[in-house]
Amino acid sequence: SCAGCHGADGSKQTGESVPLKGQTADALVKKLQGYASGSYGGKQKKIM
């Protein structure tokens, strides 16, 4: 369900974010937890 925006291999850049590919699991978890709590993200954070 993420691949449509982030690409099949996570290399697609979306808006002002960096590609997911190449990031560590810990860094991604912190970001997703931040999105879930509303404490992380840029202009389009509402989507995430």
ModelCIF file with pLDDT and N, C-alpha, C, O atoms, coordinates in Angstrom:
data_MODEL
#
_entry.id   MODEL 
#
_entity.id                         1 
_entity.type                       polymer 
_entity.pdbx_number_of_molecules   1 
#
_entity_poly.entity_id                      1 
_entity_poly.type                           'polypeptide(L)' 
_entity_poly.nstd_linkage                   no 
_entity_poly.nstd_monomer                   no 
_entity_poly.pdbx_seq_one_letter_code       SCAGCHGADGSKQTGESVPLKGQTADALVKKLQGYASGSYGGKQKKIM 
_entity_poly.pdbx_seq_one_letter_code_can   SCAGCHGADGSKQTGESVPLKGQTADALVKKLQGYASGSYGGKQKKIM 
_entity_poly.pdbx_strand_id                 A 
#
loop_
_entity_poly_seq.entity_id 
_entity_poly_seq.num 
_entity_poly_seq.mon_id 
_entity_poly_seq.hetero 
1 1  SER n 
1 2  CYS n 
1 3  ALA n 
1 4  GLY n 
1 5  CYS n 
1 6  HIS n 
1 7  GLY n 
1 8  ALA n 
1 9  ASP n 
1 10 GLY n 
1 11 SER n 
1 12 LYS n 
1 13 GLN n 
1 14 THR n 
1 15 GLY n 
1 16 GLU n 
1 17 SER n 
1 18 VAL n 
1 19 PRO n 
1 20 LEU n 
1 21 LYS n 
1 22 GLY n 
1 23 GLN n 
1 24 THR n 
1 25 ALA n 
1 26 ASP n 
1 27 ALA n 
1 28 LEU n 
1 29 VAL n 
1 30 LYS n 
1 31 LYS n 
1 32 LEU n 
1 33 GLN n 
1 34 GLY n 
1 35 TYR n 
1 36 ALA n 
1 37 SER n 
1 38 GLY n 
1 39 SER n 
1 40 TYR n 
1 41 GLY n 
1 42 GLY n 
1 43 LYS n 
1 44 GLN n 
1 45 LYS n 
1 46 LYS n 
1 47 ILE n 
1 48 MET n 
#
_struct_asym.id          A 
_struct_asym.entity_id   1 
#
loop_
_ma_qa_metric.id 
_ma_qa_metric.mode 
_ma_qa_metric.name 
_ma_qa_metric.software_group_id 
_ma_qa_metric.type 
1 global pLDDT . pLDDT 
2 local  pLDDT . pLDDT 
#
_ma_qa_metric_global.metric_id      1 
_ma_qa_metric_global.metric_value   94.23 
_ma_qa_metric_global.model_id       1 
_ma_qa_metric_global.ordinal_id     1 
#
loop_
_ma_qa_metric_local.label_asym_id 
_ma_qa_metric_local.label_comp_id 
_ma_qa_metric_local.label_seq_id 
_ma_qa_metric_local.metric_id 
_ma_qa_metric_local.metric_value 
_ma_qa_metric_local.model_id 
_ma_qa_metric_local.ordinal_id 
A SER 1  2 96.00 1 1  
A CYS 2  2 96.00 1 2  
A ALA 3  2 97.00 1 3  
A GLY 4  2 95.00 1 4  
A CYS 5  2 94.00 1 5  
A HIS 6  2 96.00 1 6  
A GLY 7  2 97.00 1 7  
A ALA 8  2 97.00 1 8  
A ASP 9  2 97.00 1 9  
A GLY 10 2 97.00 1 10 
A SER 11 2 97.00 1 11 
A LYS 12 2 96.00 1 12 
A GLN 13 2 92.00 1 13 
A THR 14 2 87.00 1 14 
A GLY 15 2 84.00 1 15 
A GLU 16 2 82.00 1 16 
A SER 17 2 85.00 1 17 
A VAL 18 2 90.00 1 18 
A PRO 19 2 97.00 1 19 
A LEU 20 2 97.00 1 20 
A LYS 21 2 97.00 1 21 
A GLY 22 2 97.00 1 22 
A GLN 23 2 98.00 1 23 
A THR 24 2 98.00 1 24 
A ALA 25 2 98.00 1 25 
A ASP 26 2 98.00 1 26 
A ALA 27 2 98.00 1 27 
A LEU 28 2 98.00 1 28 
A VAL 29 2 98.00 1 29 
A LYS 30 2 98.00 1 30 
A LYS 31 2 97.00 1 31 
A LEU 32 2 97.00 1 32 
A GLN 33 2 97.00 1 33 
A GLY 34 2 97.00 1 34 
A TYR 35 2 97.00 1 35 
A ALA 36 2 96.00 1 36 
A SER 37 2 96.00 1 37 
A GLY 38 2 95.00 1 38 
A SER 39 2 95.00 1 39 
A TYR 40 2 95.00 1 40 
A GLY 41 2 91.00 1 41 
A GLY 42 2 87.00 1 42 
A LYS 43 2 83.00 1 43 
A GLN 44 2 80.00 1 44 
A LYS 45 2 91.00 1 45 
A LYS 46 2 94.00 1 46 
A ILE 47 2 93.00 1 47 
A MET 48 2 95.00 1 48 
#
loop_
_atom_site.group_PDB 
_atom_site.id 
_atom_site.type_symbol 
_atom_site.label_atom_id 
_atom_site.label_alt_id 
_atom_site.label_comp_id 
_atom_site.label_asym_id 
_atom_site.label_entity_id 
_atom_site.label_seq_id 
_atom_site.pdbx_PDB_ins_code 
_atom_site.Cartn_x 
_atom_site.Cartn_y 
_atom_site.Cartn_z 
_atom_site.occupancy 
_atom_site.B_iso_or_equiv 
_atom_site.pdbx_formal_charge 
_atom_site.auth_seq_id 
_atom_site.auth_comp_id 
_atom_site.auth_asym_id 
_atom_site.auth_atom_id 
_atom_site.pdbx_PDB_model_num 
ATOM 1   N N  . SER A 1 1  ? 0.816  -1.217 0.000  1.00 96.00 ? 1  SER A N  1 
ATOM 2   C CA . SER A 1 1  ? 0.000  0.000  0.000  1.00 96.00 ? 1  SER A CA 1 
ATOM 3   C C  . SER A 1 1  ? 0.852  1.269  0.000  1.00 96.00 ? 1  SER A C  1 
ATOM 4   O O  . SER A 1 1  ? 0.324  2.358  -0.226 1.00 96.00 ? 1  SER A O  1 
ATOM 5   N N  . CYS A 1 2  ? 2.141  1.153  0.246  1.00 96.00 ? 2  CYS A N  1 
ATOM 6   C CA . CYS A 1 2  ? 3.064  2.299  0.266  1.00 96.00 ? 2  CYS A CA 1 
ATOM 7   C C  . CYS A 1 2  ? 3.719  2.524  -1.095 1.00 96.00 ? 2  CYS A C  1 
ATOM 8   O O  . CYS A 1 2  ? 4.122  3.638  -1.428 1.00 96.00 ? 2  CYS A O  1 
ATOM 9   N N  . ALA A 1 3  ? 3.818  1.450  -1.869 1.00 97.00 ? 3  ALA A N  1 
ATOM 10  C CA . ALA A 1 3  ? 4.583  1.460  -3.117 1.00 97.00 ? 3  ALA A CA 1 
ATOM 11  C C  . ALA A 1 3  ? 4.049  2.451  -4.140 1.00 97.00 ? 3  ALA A C  1 
ATOM 12  O O  . ALA A 1 3  ? 4.816  2.943  -4.968 1.00 97.00 ? 3  ALA A O  1 
ATOM 13  N N  . GLY A 1 4  ? 2.768  2.753  -4.107 1.00 95.00 ? 4  GLY A N  1 
ATOM 14  C CA . GLY A 1 4  ? 2.207  3.704  -5.064 1.00 95.00 ? 4  GLY A CA 1 
ATOM 15  C C  . GLY A 1 4  ? 2.872  5.067  -4.967 1.00 95.00 ? 4  GLY A C  1 
ATOM 16  O O  . GLY A 1 4  ? 3.097  5.717  -5.988 1.00 95.00 ? 4  GLY A O  1 
ATOM 17  N N  . CYS A 1 5  ? 3.184  5.503  -3.781 1.00 94.00 ? 5  CYS A N  1 
ATOM 18  C CA . CYS A 1 5  ? 3.839  6.805  -3.580 1.00 94.00 ? 5  CYS A CA 1 
ATOM 19  C C  . CYS A 1 5  ? 5.359  6.688  -3.472 1.00 94.00 ? 5  CYS A C  1 
ATOM 20  O O  . CYS A 1 5  ? 6.090  7.538  -3.980 1.00 94.00 ? 5  CYS A O  1 
ATOM 21  N N  . HIS A 1 6  ? 5.825  5.637  -2.811 1.00 96.00 ? 6  HIS A N  1 
ATOM 22  C CA . HIS A 1 6  ? 7.254  5.524  -2.514 1.00 96.00 ? 6  HIS A CA 1 
ATOM 23  C C  . HIS A 1 6  ? 8.031  4.650  -3.492 1.00 96.00 ? 6  HIS A C  1 
ATOM 24  O O  . HIS A 1 6  ? 9.253  4.545  -3.390 1.00 96.00 ? 6  HIS A O  1 
ATOM 25  N N  . GLY A 1 7  ? 7.340  4.026  -4.433 1.00 97.00 ? 7  GLY A N  1 
ATOM 26  C CA . GLY A 1 7  ? 7.996  3.167  -5.419 1.00 97.00 ? 7  GLY A CA 1 
ATOM 27  C C  . GLY A 1 7  ? 8.125  1.745  -4.930 1.00 97.00 ? 7  GLY A C  1 
ATOM 28  O O  . GLY A 1 7  ? 8.177  1.494  -3.726 1.00 97.00 ? 7  GLY A O  1 
ATOM 29  N N  . ALA A 1 8  ? 8.177  0.817  -5.859 1.00 97.00 ? 8  ALA A N  1 
ATOM 30  C CA . ALA A 1 8  ? 8.253  -0.604 -5.515 1.00 97.00 ? 8  ALA A CA 1 
ATOM 31  C C  . ALA A 1 8  ? 9.480  -0.930 -4.676 1.00 97.00 ? 8  ALA A C  1 
ATOM 32  O O  . ALA A 1 8  ? 9.441  -1.832 -3.839 1.00 97.00 ? 8  ALA A O  1 
ATOM 33  N N  . ASP A 1 9  ? 10.565 -0.202 -4.898 1.00 97.00 ? 9  ASP A N  1 
ATOM 34  C CA . ASP A 1 9  ? 11.792 -0.461 -4.139 1.00 97.00 ? 9  ASP A CA 1 
ATOM 35  C C  . ASP A 1 9  ? 12.128 0.653  -3.149 1.00 97.00 ? 9  ASP A C  1 
ATOM 36  O O  . ASP A 1 9  ? 13.234 0.688  -2.610 1.00 97.00 ? 9  ASP A O  1 
ATOM 37  N N  . GLY A 1 10 ? 11.190 1.557  -2.908 1.00 97.00 ? 10 GLY A N  1 
ATOM 38  C CA . GLY A 1 10 ? 11.397 2.615  -1.924 1.00 97.00 ? 10 GLY A CA 1 
ATOM 39  C C  . GLY A 1 10 ? 12.290 3.748  -2.384 1.00 97.00 ? 10 GLY A C  1 
ATOM 40  O O  . GLY A 1 10 ? 12.674 4.592  -1.575 1.00 97.00 ? 10 GLY A O  1 
ATOM 41  N N  . SER A 1 11 ? 12.631 3.787  -3.668 1.00 97.00 ? 11 SER A N  1 
ATOM 42  C CA . SER A 1 11 ? 13.588 4.796  -4.141 1.00 97.00 ? 11 SER A CA 1 
ATOM 43  C C  . SER A 1 11 ? 12.935 6.076  -4.656 1.00 97.00 ? 11 SER A C  1 
ATOM 44  O O  . SER A 1 11 ? 13.637 7.032  -4.986 1.00 97.00 ? 11 SER A O  1 
ATOM 45  N N  . LYS A 1 12 ? 11.626 6.110  -4.731 1.00 96.00 ? 12 LYS A N  1 
ATOM 46  C CA . LYS A 1 12 ? 10.932 7.280  -5.256 1.00 96.00 ? 12 LYS A CA 1 
ATOM 47  C C  . LYS A 1 12 ? 10.862 8.388  -4.196 1.00 96.00 ? 12 LYS A C  1 
ATOM 48  O O  . LYS A 1 12 ? 10.462 8.149  -3.057 1.00 96.00 ? 12 LYS A O  1 
ATOM 49  N N  . GLN A 1 13 ? 11.252 9.588  -4.590 1.00 92.00 ? 13 GLN A N  1 
ATOM 50  C CA . GLN A 1 13 ? 11.178 10.721 -3.679 1.00 92.00 ? 13 GLN A CA 1 
ATOM 51  C C  . GLN A 1 13 ? 9.792  11.331 -3.771 1.00 92.00 ? 13 GLN A C  1 
ATOM 52  O O  . GLN A 1 13 ? 9.278  11.572 -4.863 1.00 92.00 ? 13 GLN A O  1 
ATOM 53  N N  . THR A 1 14 ? 9.197  11.577 -2.626 1.00 87.00 ? 14 THR A N  1 
ATOM 54  C CA . THR A 1 14 ? 7.860  12.163 -2.587 1.00 87.00 ? 14 THR A CA 1 
ATOM 55  C C  . THR A 1 14 ? 7.925  13.538 -1.931 1.00 87.00 ? 14 THR A C  1 
ATOM 56  O O  . THR A 1 14 ? 8.354  13.671 -0.785 1.00 87.00 ? 14 THR A O  1 
ATOM 57  N N  . GLY A 1 15 ? 7.498  14.548 -2.664 1.00 84.00 ? 15 GLY A N  1 
ATOM 58  C CA . GLY A 1 15 ? 7.487  15.900 -2.102 1.00 84.00 ? 15 GLY A CA 1 
ATOM 59  C C  . GLY A 1 15 ? 8.834  16.316 -1.571 1.00 84.00 ? 15 GLY A C  1 
ATOM 60  O O  . GLY A 1 15 ? 9.838  16.280 -2.283 1.00 84.00 ? 15 GLY A O  1 
ATOM 61  N N  . GLU A 1 16 ? 8.850  16.712 -0.306 1.00 82.00 ? 16 GLU A N  1 
ATOM 62  C CA . GLU A 1 16 ? 10.087 17.191 0.313  1.00 82.00 ? 16 GLU A CA 1 
ATOM 63  C C  . GLU A 1 16 ? 10.845 16.105 1.073  1.00 82.00 ? 16 GLU A C  1 
ATOM 64  O O  . GLU A 1 16 ? 11.887 16.380 1.668  1.00 82.00 ? 16 GLU A O  1 
ATOM 65  N N  . SER A 1 17 ? 10.339 14.892 1.059  1.00 85.00 ? 17 SER A N  1 
ATOM 66  C CA . SER A 1 17 ? 10.980 13.809 1.809  1.00 85.00 ? 17 SER A CA 1 
ATOM 67  C C  . SER A 1 17 ? 12.100 13.147 1.007  1.00 85.00 ? 17 SER A C  1 
ATOM 68  O O  . SER A 1 17 ? 12.201 13.299 -0.210 1.00 85.00 ? 17 SER A O  1 
ATOM 69  N N  . VAL A 1 18 ? 12.929 12.414 1.730  1.00 90.00 ? 18 VAL A N  1 
ATOM 70  C CA . VAL A 1 18 ? 13.987 11.644 1.081  1.00 90.00 ? 18 VAL A CA 1 
ATOM 71  C C  . VAL A 1 18 ? 13.431 10.245 0.780  1.00 90.00 ? 18 VAL A C  1 
ATOM 72  O O  . VAL A 1 18 ? 12.479 9.811  1.429  1.00 90.00 ? 18 VAL A O  1 
ATOM 73  N N  . PRO A 1 19 ? 14.006 9.545  -0.183 1.00 97.00 ? 19 PRO A N  1 
ATOM 74  C CA . PRO A 1 19 ? 13.540 8.175  -0.471 1.00 97.00 ? 19 PRO A CA 1 
ATOM 75  C C  . PRO A 1 19 ? 13.666 7.279  0.759  1.00 97.00 ? 19 PRO A C  1 
ATOM 76  O O  . PRO A 1 19 ? 14.541 7.486  1.600  1.00 97.00 ? 19 PRO A O  1 
ATOM 77  N N  . LEU A 1 20 ? 12.799 6.298  0.854  1.00 97.00 ? 20 LEU A N  1 
ATOM 78  C CA . LEU A 1 20 ? 12.847 5.356  1.974  1.00 97.00 ? 20 LEU A CA 1 
ATOM 79  C C  . LEU A 1 20 ? 14.026 4.406  1.850  1.00 97.00 ? 20 LEU A C  1 
ATOM 80  O O  . LEU A 1 20 ? 14.628 4.011  2.849  1.00 97.00 ? 20 LEU A O  1 
ATOM 81  N N  . LYS A 1 21 ? 14.352 4.043  0.609  1.00 97.00 ? 21 LYS A N  1 
ATOM 82  C CA . LYS A 1 21 ? 15.438 3.093  0.362  1.00 97.00 ? 21 LYS A CA 1 
ATOM 83  C C  . LYS A 1 21 ? 16.738 3.614  0.958  1.00 97.00 ? 21 LYS A C  1 
ATOM 84  O O  . LYS A 1 21 ? 17.096 4.777  0.773  1.00 97.00 ? 21 LYS A O  1 
ATOM 85  N N  . GLY A 1 22 ? 17.440 2.744  1.674  1.00 97.00 ? 22 GLY A N  1 
ATOM 86  C CA . GLY A 1 22 ? 18.718 3.108  2.268  1.00 97.00 ? 22 GLY A CA 1 
ATOM 87  C C  . GLY A 1 22 ? 18.621 3.567  3.714  1.00 97.00 ? 22 GLY A C  1 
ATOM 88  O O  . GLY A 1 22 ? 19.645 3.748  4.373  1.00 97.00 ? 22 GLY A O  1 
ATOM 89  N N  . GLN A 1 23 ? 17.407 3.759  4.218  1.00 98.00 ? 23 GLN A N  1 
ATOM 90  C CA . GLN A 1 23 ? 17.243 4.166  5.613  1.00 98.00 ? 23 GLN A CA 1 
ATOM 91  C C  . GLN A 1 23 ? 17.197 2.924  6.507  1.00 98.00 ? 23 GLN A C  1 
ATOM 92  O O  . GLN A 1 23 ? 16.773 1.853  6.073  1.00 98.00 ? 23 GLN A O  1 
ATOM 93  N N  . THR A 1 24 ? 17.632 3.076  7.740  1.00 98.00 ? 24 THR A N  1 
ATOM 94  C CA . THR A 1 24 ? 17.607 1.966  8.680  1.00 98.00 ? 24 THR A CA 1 
ATOM 95  C C  . THR A 1 24 ? 16.194 1.745  9.200  1.00 98.00 ? 24 THR A C  1 
ATOM 96  O O  . THR A 1 24 ? 15.356 2.646  9.167  1.00 98.00 ? 24 THR A O  1 
ATOM 97  N N  . ALA A 1 25 ? 15.947 0.541  9.676  1.00 98.00 ? 25 ALA A N  1 
ATOM 98  C CA . ALA A 1 25 ? 14.638 0.222  10.246 1.00 98.00 ? 25 ALA A CA 1 
ATOM 99  C C  . ALA A 1 25 ? 14.351 1.119  11.448 1.00 98.00 ? 25 ALA A C  1 
ATOM 100 O O  . ALA A 1 25 ? 13.225 1.587  11.612 1.00 98.00 ? 25 ALA A O  1 
ATOM 101 N N  . ASP A 1 26 ? 15.361 1.365  12.292 1.00 98.00 ? 26 ASP A N  1 
ATOM 102 C CA . ASP A 1 26 ? 15.156 2.211  13.471 1.00 98.00 ? 26 ASP A CA 1 
ATOM 103 C C  . ASP A 1 26 ? 14.759 3.633  13.088 1.00 98.00 ? 26 ASP A C  1 
ATOM 104 O O  . ASP A 1 26 ? 13.861 4.215  13.698 1.00 98.00 ? 26 ASP A O  1 
ATOM 105 N N  . ALA A 1 27 ? 15.421 4.190  12.087 1.00 98.00 ? 27 ALA A N  1 
ATOM 106 C CA . ALA A 1 27 ? 15.094 5.549  11.646 1.00 98.00 ? 27 ALA A CA 1 
ATOM 107 C C  . ALA A 1 27 ? 13.672 5.607  11.087 1.00 98.00 ? 27 ALA A C  1 
ATOM 108 O O  . ALA A 1 27 ? 12.931 6.555  11.350 1.00 98.00 ? 27 ALA A O  1 
ATOM 109 N N  . LEU A 1 28 ? 13.307 4.602  10.329 1.00 98.00 ? 28 LEU A N  1 
ATOM 110 C CA . LEU A 1 28 ? 11.961 4.569  9.752  1.00 98.00 ? 28 LEU A CA 1 
ATOM 111 C C  . LEU A 1 28 ? 10.898 4.394  10.823 1.00 98.00 ? 28 LEU A C  1 
ATOM 112 O O  . LEU A 1 28 ? 9.835  5.011  10.750 1.00 98.00 ? 28 LEU A O  1 
ATOM 113 N N  . VAL A 1 29 ? 11.172 3.561  11.815 1.00 98.00 ? 29 VAL A N  1 
ATOM 114 C CA . VAL A 1 29 ? 10.220 3.368  12.915 1.00 98.00 ? 29 VAL A CA 1 
ATOM 115 C C  . VAL A 1 29 ? 9.995  4.689  13.641 1.00 98.00 ? 29 VAL A C  1 
ATOM 116 O O  . VAL A 1 29 ? 8.852  5.049  13.924 1.00 98.00 ? 29 VAL A O  1 
ATOM 117 N N  . LYS A 1 30 ? 11.067 5.414  13.946 1.00 98.00 ? 30 LYS A N  1 
ATOM 118 C CA . LYS A 1 30 ? 10.933 6.696  14.638 1.00 98.00 ? 30 LYS A CA 1 
ATOM 119 C C  . LYS A 1 30 ? 10.086 7.672  13.826 1.00 98.00 ? 30 LYS A C  1 
ATOM 120 O O  . LYS A 1 30 ? 9.258  8.396  14.379 1.00 98.00 ? 30 LYS A O  1 
ATOM 121 N N  . LYS A 1 31 ? 10.297 7.685  12.521 1.00 97.00 ? 31 LYS A N  1 
ATOM 122 C CA . LYS A 1 31 ? 9.531  8.590  11.670 1.00 97.00 ? 31 LYS A CA 1 
ATOM 123 C C  . LYS A 1 31 ? 8.060  8.200  11.625 1.00 97.00 ? 31 LYS A C  1 
ATOM 124 O O  . LYS A 1 31 ? 7.184  9.055  11.758 1.00 97.00 ? 31 LYS A O  1 
ATOM 125 N N  . LEU A 1 32 ? 7.785  6.908  11.437 1.00 97.00 ? 32 LEU A N  1 
ATOM 126 C CA . LEU A 1 32 ? 6.386  6.474  11.387 1.00 97.00 ? 32 LEU A CA 1 
ATOM 127 C C  . LEU A 1 32 ? 5.691  6.675  12.729 1.00 97.00 ? 32 LEU A C  1 
ATOM 128 O O  . LEU A 1 32 ? 4.515  7.038  12.767 1.00 97.00 ? 32 LEU A O  1 
ATOM 129 N N  . GLN A 1 33 ? 6.399  6.444  13.819 1.00 97.00 ? 33 GLN A N  1 
ATOM 130 C CA . GLN A 1 33 ? 5.816  6.700  15.139 1.00 97.00 ? 33 GLN A CA 1 
ATOM 131 C C  . GLN A 1 33 ? 5.535  8.189  15.310 1.00 97.00 ? 33 GLN A C  1 
ATOM 132 O O  . GLN A 1 33 ? 4.533  8.576  15.911 1.00 97.00 ? 33 GLN A O  1 
ATOM 133 N N  . GLY A 1 34 ? 6.434  9.025  14.771 1.00 97.00 ? 34 GLY A N  1 
ATOM 134 C CA . GLY A 1 34 ? 6.226  10.463 14.817 1.00 97.00 ? 34 GLY A CA 1 
ATOM 135 C C  . GLY A 1 34 ? 5.020  10.895 14.004 1.00 97.00 ? 34 GLY A C  1 
ATOM 136 O O  . GLY A 1 34 ? 4.243  11.747 14.434 1.00 97.00 ? 34 GLY A O  1 
ATOM 137 N N  . TYR A 1 35 ? 4.865  10.303 12.824 1.00 97.00 ? 35 TYR A N  1 
ATOM 138 C CA . TYR A 1 35 ? 3.675  10.584 12.024 1.00 97.00 ? 35 TYR A CA 1 
ATOM 139 C C  . TYR A 1 35 ? 2.416  10.164 12.780 1.00 97.00 ? 35 TYR A C  1 
ATOM 140 O O  . TYR A 1 35 ? 1.435  10.906 12.833 1.00 97.00 ? 35 TYR A O  1 
ATOM 141 N N  . ALA A 1 36 ? 2.455  8.967  13.362 1.00 96.00 ? 36 ALA A N  1 
ATOM 142 C CA . ALA A 1 36 ? 1.283  8.445  14.072 1.00 96.00 ? 36 ALA A CA 1 
ATOM 143 C C  . ALA A 1 36 ? 0.876  9.343  15.235 1.00 96.00 ? 36 ALA A C  1 
ATOM 144 O O  . ALA A 1 36 ? -0.311 9.499  15.519 1.00 96.00 ? 36 ALA A O  1 
ATOM 145 N N  . SER A 1 37 ? 1.866  9.931  15.907 1.00 96.00 ? 37 SER A N  1 
ATOM 146 C CA . SER A 1 37 ? 1.565  10.799 17.051 1.00 96.00 ? 37 SER A CA 1 
ATOM 147 C C  . SER A 1 37 ? 1.365  12.262 16.647 1.00 96.00 ? 37 SER A C  1 
ATOM 148 O O  . SER A 1 37 ? 0.936  13.082 17.459 1.00 96.00 ? 37 SER A O  1 
ATOM 149 N N  . GLY A 1 38 ? 1.675  12.581 15.395 1.00 95.00 ? 38 GLY A N  1 
ATOM 150 C CA . GLY A 1 38 ? 1.526  13.954 14.920 1.00 95.00 ? 38 GLY A CA 1 
ATOM 151 C C  . GLY A 1 38 ? 2.709  14.851 15.231 1.00 95.00 ? 38 GLY A C  1 
ATOM 152 O O  . GLY A 1 38 ? 2.630  16.069 15.067 1.00 95.00 ? 38 GLY A O  1 
ATOM 153 N N  . SER A 1 39 ? 3.814  14.251 15.685 1.00 95.00 ? 39 SER A N  1 
ATOM 154 C CA . SER A 1 39 ? 4.983  15.051 16.077 1.00 95.00 ? 39 SER A CA 1 
ATOM 155 C C  . SER A 1 39 ? 6.072  15.123 15.007 1.00 95.00 ? 39 SER A C  1 
ATOM 156 O O  . SER A 1 39 ? 7.128  15.709 15.244 1.00 95.00 ? 39 SER A O  1 
ATOM 157 N N  . TYR A 1 40 ? 5.833  14.540 13.844 1.00 95.00 ? 40 TYR A N  1 
ATOM 158 C CA . TYR A 1 40 ? 6.844  14.512 12.801 1.00 95.00 ? 40 TYR A CA 1 
ATOM 159 C C  . TYR A 1 40 ? 6.194  14.794 11.457 1.00 95.00 ? 40 TYR A C  1 
ATOM 160 O O  . TYR A 1 40 ? 5.046  14.421 11.217 1.00 95.00 ? 40 TYR A O  1 
ATOM 161 N N  . GLY A 1 41 ? 6.937  15.454 10.588 1.00 91.00 ? 41 GLY A N  1 
ATOM 162 C CA . GLY A 1 41 ? 6.482  15.619 9.217  1.00 91.00 ? 41 GLY A CA 1 
ATOM 163 C C  . GLY A 1 41 ? 6.489  17.060 8.748  1.00 91.00 ? 41 GLY A C  1 
ATOM 164 O O  . GLY A 1 41 ? 6.569  18.002 9.537  1.00 91.00 ? 41 GLY A O  1 
ATOM 165 N N  . GLY A 1 42 ? 6.404  17.197 7.433  1.00 87.00 ? 42 GLY A N  1 
ATOM 166 C CA . GLY A 1 42 ? 6.425  18.510 6.803  1.00 87.00 ? 42 GLY A CA 1 
ATOM 167 C C  . GLY A 1 42 ? 5.033  18.952 6.380  1.00 87.00 ? 42 GLY A C  1 
ATOM 168 O O  . GLY A 1 42 ? 4.042  18.680 7.058  1.00 87.00 ? 42 GLY A O  1 
ATOM 169 N N  . LYS A 1 43 ? 4.981  19.635 5.251  1.00 83.00 ? 43 LYS A N  1 
ATOM 170 C CA . LYS A 1 43 ? 3.739  20.238 4.771  1.00 83.00 ? 43 LYS A CA 1 
ATOM 171 C C  . LYS A 1 43 ? 2.625  19.226 4.522  1.00 83.00 ? 43 LYS A C  1 
ATOM 172 O O  . LYS A 1 43 ? 1.456  19.519 4.770  1.00 83.00 ? 43 LYS A O  1 
ATOM 173 N N  . GLN A 1 44 ? 2.975  18.054 4.040  1.00 80.00 ? 44 GLN A N  1 
ATOM 174 C CA . GLN A 1 44 ? 1.958  17.061 3.709  1.00 80.00 ? 44 GLN A CA 1 
ATOM 175 C C  . GLN A 1 44 ? 1.879  15.938 4.741  1.00 80.00 ? 44 GLN A C  1 
ATOM 176 O O  . GLN A 1 44 ? 1.527  14.806 4.410  1.00 80.00 ? 44 GLN A O  1 
ATOM 177 N N  . LYS A 1 45 ? 2.204  16.253 5.978  1.00 91.00 ? 45 LYS A N  1 
ATOM 178 C CA . LYS A 1 45 ? 2.247  15.214 6.998  1.00 91.00 ? 45 LYS A CA 1 
ATOM 179 C C  . LYS A 1 45 ? 0.887  14.599 7.304  1.00 91.00 ? 45 LYS A C  1 
ATOM 180 O O  . LYS A 1 45 ? 0.828  13.481 7.817  1.00 91.00 ? 45 LYS A O  1 
ATOM 181 N N  . LYS A 1 46 ? -0.189 15.283 7.009  1.00 94.00 ? 46 LYS A N  1 
ATOM 182 C CA . LYS A 1 46 ? -1.523 14.751 7.299  1.00 94.00 ? 46 LYS A CA 1 
ATOM 183 C C  . LYS A 1 46 ? -1.763 13.417 6.577  1.00 94.00 ? 46 LYS A C  1 
ATOM 184 O O  . LYS A 1 46 ? -2.419 12.524 7.113  1.00 94.00 ? 46 LYS A O  1 
ATOM 185 N N  . ILE A 1 47 ? -1.236 13.295 5.380  1.00 93.00 ? 47 ILE A N  1 
ATOM 186 C CA . ILE A 1 47 ? -1.401 12.046 4.621  1.00 93.00 ? 47 ILE A CA 1 
ATOM 187 C C  . ILE A 1 47 ? -0.757 10.895 5.387  1.00 93.00 ? 47 ILE A C  1 
ATOM 188 O O  . ILE A 1 47 ? -1.375 9.852  5.597  1.00 93.00 ? 47 ILE A O  1 
ATOM 189 N N  . MET A 1 48 ? 0.487  11.096 5.799  1.00 95.00 ? 48 MET A N  1 
ATOM 190 C CA . MET A 1 48 ? 1.200  10.042 6.512  1.00 95.00 ? 48 MET A CA 1 
ATOM 191 C C  . MET A 1 48 ? 0.664  9.859  7.935  1.00 95.00 ? 48 MET A C  1 
ATOM 192 O O  . MET A 1 48 ? 1.156  9.007  8.675  1.00 95.00 ? 48 MET A O  1 
#
